[in-house]
Structure formats: C-alpha cells, structure tokens
C-alpha atoms as a PDB file:
ATOM      1  CA  UNK A   1      15.832  26.727 -23.739  1.00  0.00           C
ATOM      2  CA  UNK A   2      15.274  28.960 -20.721  1.00  0.00           C
ATOM      3  CA  UNK A   3      17.715  31.827 -20.286  1.00  0.00           C
ATOM      4  CA  UNK A   4      20.817  31.149 -18.178  1.00  0.00           C
ATOM      5  CA  UNK A   5      20.464  34.500 -16.370  1.00  0.00           C
ATOM      6  CA  UNK A   6      17.066  35.487 -15.033  1.00  0.00           C
ATOM      7  CA  UNK A   7      15.610  38.086 -12.702  1.00  0.00           C
ATOM      8  CA  UNK A   8      12.053  37.174 -11.842  1.00  0.00           C
ATOM      9  CA  UNK A   9       9.282  37.564  -9.293  1.00  0.00           C
ATOM     10  CA  UNK A  10       8.138  33.948  -9.336  1.00  0.00           C
ATOM     11  CA  UNK A  11       9.859  31.098  -7.531  1.00  0.00           C
ATOM     12  CA  UNK A  12      12.121  28.628  -9.320  1.00  0.00           C
ATOM     13  CA  UNK A  13      12.742  24.880  -9.115  1.00  0.00           C
ATOM     14  CA  UNK A  14      16.279  23.922  -8.115  1.00  0.00           C
ATOM     15  CA  UNK A  15      15.938  20.432  -9.598  1.00  0.00           C
ATOM     16  CA  UNK A  16      14.818  21.783 -12.981  1.00  0.00           C
ATOM     17  CA  UNK A  17      17.729  24.218 -13.108  1.00  0.00           C
ATOM     18  CA  UNK A  18      20.256  21.486 -12.253  1.00  0.00           C
ATOM     19  CA  UNK A  19      18.796  19.176 -14.923  1.00  0.00           C
ATOM     20  CA  UNK A  20      19.021  21.977 -17.470  1.00  0.00           C
ATOM     21  CA  UNK A  21      22.747  22.531 -16.883  1.00  0.00           C
ATOM     22  CA  UNK A  22      23.493  18.788 -16.763  1.00  0.00           C
ATOM     23  CA  UNK A  23      21.942  18.436 -20.222  1.00  0.00           C
ATOM     24  CA  UNK A  24      24.303  20.994 -21.785  1.00  0.00           C
ATOM     25  CA  UNK A  25      27.226  18.598 -22.186  1.00  0.00           C
ATOM     26  CA  UNK A  26      28.281  15.012 -21.553  1.00  0.00           C
ATOM     27  CA  UNK A  27      31.516  16.465 -20.149  1.00  0.00           C
ATOM     28  CA  UNK A  28      29.655  17.623 -17.023  1.00  0.00           C
ATOM     29  CA  UNK A  29      31.052  15.654 -14.097  1.00  0.00           C
ATOM     30  CA  UNK A  30      30.117  18.090 -11.335  1.00  0.00           C
ATOM     31  CA  UNK A  31      27.201  20.368 -10.559  1.00  0.00           C
ATOM     32  CA  UNK A  32      27.732  22.860  -7.737  1.00  0.00           C
ATOM     33  CA  UNK A  33      24.841  24.954  -6.454  1.00  0.00           C
ATOM     34  CA  UNK A  34      24.333  27.839  -4.097  1.00  0.00           C
ATOM     35  CA  UNK A  35      20.772  28.393  -2.940  1.00  0.00           C
ATOM     36  CA  UNK A  36      20.129  31.549  -0.948  1.00  0.00           C
ATOM     37  CA  UNK A  37      17.004  31.550   1.215  1.00  0.00           C
ATOM     38  CA  UNK A  38      15.381  34.147   3.451  1.00  0.00           C
ATOM     39  CA  UNK A  39      15.976  33.921   7.204  1.00  0.00           C
ATOM     40  CA  UNK A  40      13.562  35.031   9.913  1.00  0.00           C
ATOM     41  CA  UNK A  41      16.263  37.012  11.731  1.00  0.00           C
ATOM     42  CA  UNK A  42      19.080  39.459  11.023  1.00  0.00           C
ATOM     43  CA  UNK A  43      21.354  41.304  13.458  1.00  0.00           C
ATOM     44  CA  UNK A  44      19.302  39.956  16.409  1.00  0.00           C
ATOM     45  CA  UNK A  45      16.040  41.283  14.920  1.00  0.00           C
ATOM     46  CA  UNK A  46      13.044  39.278  13.762  1.00  0.00           C
ATOM     47  CA  UNK A  47      12.475  39.588  10.023  1.00  0.00           C
ATOM     48  CA  UNK A  48       8.968  39.036   8.657  1.00  0.00           C
ATOM     49  CA  UNK A  49       9.892  39.573   4.993  1.00  0.00           C
ATOM     50  CA  UNK A  50      12.586  40.848   2.654  1.00  0.00           C
ATOM     51  CA  UNK A  51      11.850  43.096  -0.304  1.00  0.00           C
ATOM     52  CA  UNK A  52      14.215  43.012  -3.267  1.00  0.00           C
ATOM     53  CA  UNK A  53      14.426  45.809  -5.820  1.00  0.00           C
ATOM     54  CA  UNK A  54      16.590  46.144  -8.897  1.00  0.00           C
ATOM     55  CA  UNK A  55      17.939  48.798 -11.193  1.00  0.00           C
ATOM     56  CA  UNK A  56      15.798  47.632 -14.120  1.00  0.00           C
ATOM     57  CA  UNK A  57      17.816  46.501 -17.096  1.00  0.00           C
ATOM     58  CA  UNK A  58      21.154  47.065 -15.394  1.00  0.00           C
ATOM     59  CA  UNK A  59      20.746  44.214 -12.899  1.00  0.00           C
ATOM     60  CA  UNK A  60      20.338  41.605 -15.625  1.00  0.00           C
ATOM     61  CA  UNK A  61      23.299  43.065 -17.539  1.00  0.00           C
ATOM     62  CA  UNK A  62      25.415  42.830 -14.375  1.00  0.00           C
ATOM     63  CA  UNK A  63      24.403  39.204 -13.757  1.00  0.00           C
ATOM     64  CA  UNK A  64      25.034  38.315 -17.409  1.00  0.00           C
ATOM     65  CA  UNK A  65      28.507  39.857 -17.167  1.00  0.00           C
ATOM     66  CA  UNK A  66      29.158  37.840 -13.990  1.00  0.00           C
ATOM     67  CA  UNK A  67      28.164  34.634 -15.790  1.00  0.00           C
ATOM     68  CA  UNK A  68      30.427  35.424 -18.736  1.00  0.00           C
ATOM     69  CA  UNK A  69      33.356  36.312 -16.458  1.00  0.00           C
ATOM     70  CA  UNK A  70      32.936  33.117 -14.397  1.00  0.00           C
ATOM     71  CA  UNK A  71      32.875  31.008 -17.559  1.00  0.00           C
ATOM     72  CA  UNK A  72      36.143  32.652 -18.723  1.00  0.00           C
ATOM     73  CA  UNK A  73      37.910  32.840 -15.357  1.00  0.00           C
ATOM     74  CA  UNK A  74      37.306  29.282 -14.140  1.00  0.00           C
ATOM     75  CA  UNK A  75      37.705  25.885 -15.790  1.00  0.00           C
ATOM     76  CA  UNK A  76      33.954  25.297 -16.001  1.00  0.00           C
ATOM     77  CA  UNK A  77      31.404  24.429 -18.664  1.00  0.00           C
ATOM     78  CA  UNK A  78      28.487  26.738 -17.831  1.00  0.00           C
ATOM     79  CA  UNK A  79      26.883  28.909 -15.155  1.00  0.00           C
ATOM     80  CA  UNK A  80      23.262  29.783 -14.437  1.00  0.00           C
ATOM     81  CA  UNK A  81      22.115  32.658 -12.194  1.00  0.00           C
ATOM     82  CA  UNK A  82      18.556  33.313 -11.020  1.00  0.00           C
ATOM     83  CA  UNK A  83      17.603  36.108  -8.616  1.00  0.00           C
ATOM     84  CA  UNK A  84      14.098  36.871  -7.415  1.00  0.00           C
ATOM     85  CA  UNK A  85      12.809  40.433  -7.159  1.00  0.00           C
ATOM     86  CA  UNK A  86       9.724  40.574  -4.955  1.00  0.00           C
ATOM     87  CA  UNK A  87       8.652  40.367  -1.336  1.00  0.00           C
ATOM     88  CA  UNK A  88      10.041  37.121   0.053  1.00  0.00           C
ATOM     89  CA  UNK A  89       9.012  35.504   3.321  1.00  0.00           C
ATOM     90  CA  UNK A  90      11.345  33.544   5.644  1.00  0.00           C
ATOM     91  CA  UNK A  91      12.157  30.114   4.252  1.00  0.00           C
ATOM     92  CA  UNK A  92      11.528  31.112   0.637  1.00  0.00           C
ATOM     93  CA  UNK A  93      14.167  30.982  -2.107  1.00  0.00           C
ATOM     94  CA  UNK A  94      15.970  34.155  -3.187  1.00  0.00           C
ATOM     95  CA  UNK A  95      18.920  33.349  -5.437  1.00  0.00           C
ATOM     96  CA  UNK A  96      20.302  30.300  -7.214  1.00  0.00           C
ATOM     97  CA  UNK A  97      23.749  29.827  -8.723  1.00  0.00           C
ATOM     98  CA  UNK A  98      24.354  26.589 -10.646  1.00  0.00           C
ATOM     99  CA  UNK A  99      27.803  25.766 -12.030  1.00  0.00           C
ATOM    100  CA  UNK A 100      28.510  22.830 -14.343  1.00  0.00           C
ATOM    101  CA  UNK A 101      32.104  21.697 -14.634  1.00  0.00           C
ATOM    102  CA  UNK A 102      34.139  18.612 -15.407  1.00  0.00           C
ATOM    103  CA  UNK A 103      35.595  18.569 -11.886  1.00  0.00           C
ATOM    104  CA  UNK A 104      34.242  19.779  -8.527  1.00  0.00           C
ATOM    105  CA  UNK A 105      37.142  22.022  -7.478  1.00  0.00           C
ATOM    106  CA  UNK A 106      36.625  24.478 -10.332  1.00  0.00           C
ATOM    107  CA  UNK A 107      32.856  24.342  -9.810  1.00  0.00           C
ATOM    108  CA  UNK A 108      33.107  25.211  -6.115  1.00  0.00           C
ATOM    109  CA  UNK A 109      35.551  28.067  -6.783  1.00  0.00           C
ATOM    110  CA  UNK A 110      33.360  29.520  -9.526  1.00  0.00           C
ATOM    111  CA  UNK A 111      30.148  29.221  -7.521  1.00  0.00           C
ATOM    112  CA  UNK A 112      31.653  30.980  -4.495  1.00  0.00           C
ATOM    113  CA  UNK A 113      33.119  33.740  -6.674  1.00  0.00           C
ATOM    114  CA  UNK A 114      29.789  34.341  -8.442  1.00  0.00           C
ATOM    115  CA  UNK A 115      27.694  34.706  -5.269  1.00  0.00           C
ATOM    116  CA  UNK A 116      30.311  36.862  -3.510  1.00  0.00           C
ATOM    117  CA  UNK A 117      30.714  39.146  -6.518  1.00  0.00           C
ATOM    118  CA  UNK A 118      26.944  39.317  -7.085  1.00  0.00           C
ATOM    119  CA  UNK A 119      26.374  40.504  -3.514  1.00  0.00           C
ATOM    120  CA  UNK A 120      29.060  43.179  -3.890  1.00  0.00           C
ATOM    121  CA  UNK A 121      28.318  44.507  -7.354  1.00  0.00           C
ATOM    122  CA  UNK A 122      24.831  43.717  -8.698  1.00  0.00           C
ATOM    123  CA  UNK A 123      22.367  46.633  -8.583  1.00  0.00           C
ATOM    124  CA  UNK A 124      19.901  44.620  -6.508  1.00  0.00           C
ATOM    125  CA  UNK A 125      18.872  46.014  -3.130  1.00  0.00           C
ATOM    126  CA  UNK A 126      17.431  44.286  -0.086  1.00  0.00           C
ATOM    127  CA  UNK A 127      15.088  45.822   2.486  1.00  0.00           C
ATOM    128  CA  UNK A 128      14.320  43.883   5.659  1.00  0.00           C
ATOM    129  CA  UNK A 129      10.838  44.221   7.126  1.00  0.00           C
ATOM    130  CA  UNK A 130      10.978  43.962  10.946  1.00  0.00           C
ATOM    131  CA  UNK A 131       8.742  44.846  13.907  1.00  0.00           C
ATOM    132  CA  UNK A 132      11.175  47.719  14.617  1.00  0.00           C
ATOM    133  CA  UNK A 133      10.682  49.092  11.090  1.00  0.00           C
ATOM    134  CA  UNK A 134      12.073  48.615   7.610  1.00  0.00           C
ATOM    135  CA  UNK A 135      15.777  48.976   6.832  1.00  0.00           C
ATOM    136  CA  UNK A 136      17.903  48.714   3.718  1.00  0.00           C
ATOM    137  CA  UNK A 137      20.791  46.252   3.991  1.00  0.00           C
ATOM    138  CA  UNK A 138      24.316  47.316   3.059  1.00  0.00           C
ATOM    139  CA  UNK A 139      25.774  44.992   0.364  1.00  0.00           C
ATOM    140  CA  UNK A 140      28.493  42.611   1.523  1.00  0.00           C
ATOM    141  CA  UNK A 141      30.059  39.384   0.282  1.00  0.00           C
END
C-alpha cells in the first residue's frame, strides 16, 4: 500500500488516491477532497511558475503529525496528504488532502482543518516566479 503521507516531485492521480482511501473500510460513507492547484496570478501579478522547497525530513514529519492529529480530533476513518515539491506551472496540481469518514460533516471539517494547518505550520515554502522577479510567499491559512 502506498504511504498515506507523501512529499514528492512527480504528479499524482486524484482518482487513484480516492480509490485507495475508499478501500480502507466498508464504513466509508463520505470522501472529502481538497485539491490545490497553481494559479497564473497572485496579488495582481502574472505568475509563470511556483517553486516549492521543504525542510527535508521535517516536512514529512509535520504532515504525518497533521494526519495523526486529524484522525484523533475528528470523527473520521482516515486521512491522506500529498504535497509536491518542485517547479509547478499554472494549472498543475500542488497538494491533495483526502479524508474518508462515515459522514460528510466530519470529513469536511477535518479536510478544512488539515489544509489550513498545513499552510500555517508545515516547513514547506513557496516562491512565485513572475515577470517582476521572484518572491517568497508568506504562509497563511
């Protein structure tokens, strides 16, 4: 079975990740996903690419801790987190959160909490590449 928390350069398949979590239990009645993609603009500037960097080793530990905390904090069955670390062009996938739960309300709450907390706390940094120059983005939920 593929790991439930991954940091990788290559793209991922949303459908495969959803199928993987659905197969964990027959109690799964809801799958909630958040798919983050790269935009071609930010703060009224054109963006040609986004570069993601991580604090090697610590980023995966932080995402694993988020997964564990979500599974304890919310009435859910399982959580999967994938974040890409590479140069990503507009329209490409960046991050995927998949939450399996018996009921949708808990799944939505957990999914929102995971992405908000990830953006605030994970040692993953984003640099926007623009015609005006490159700039690091301040983390925010």
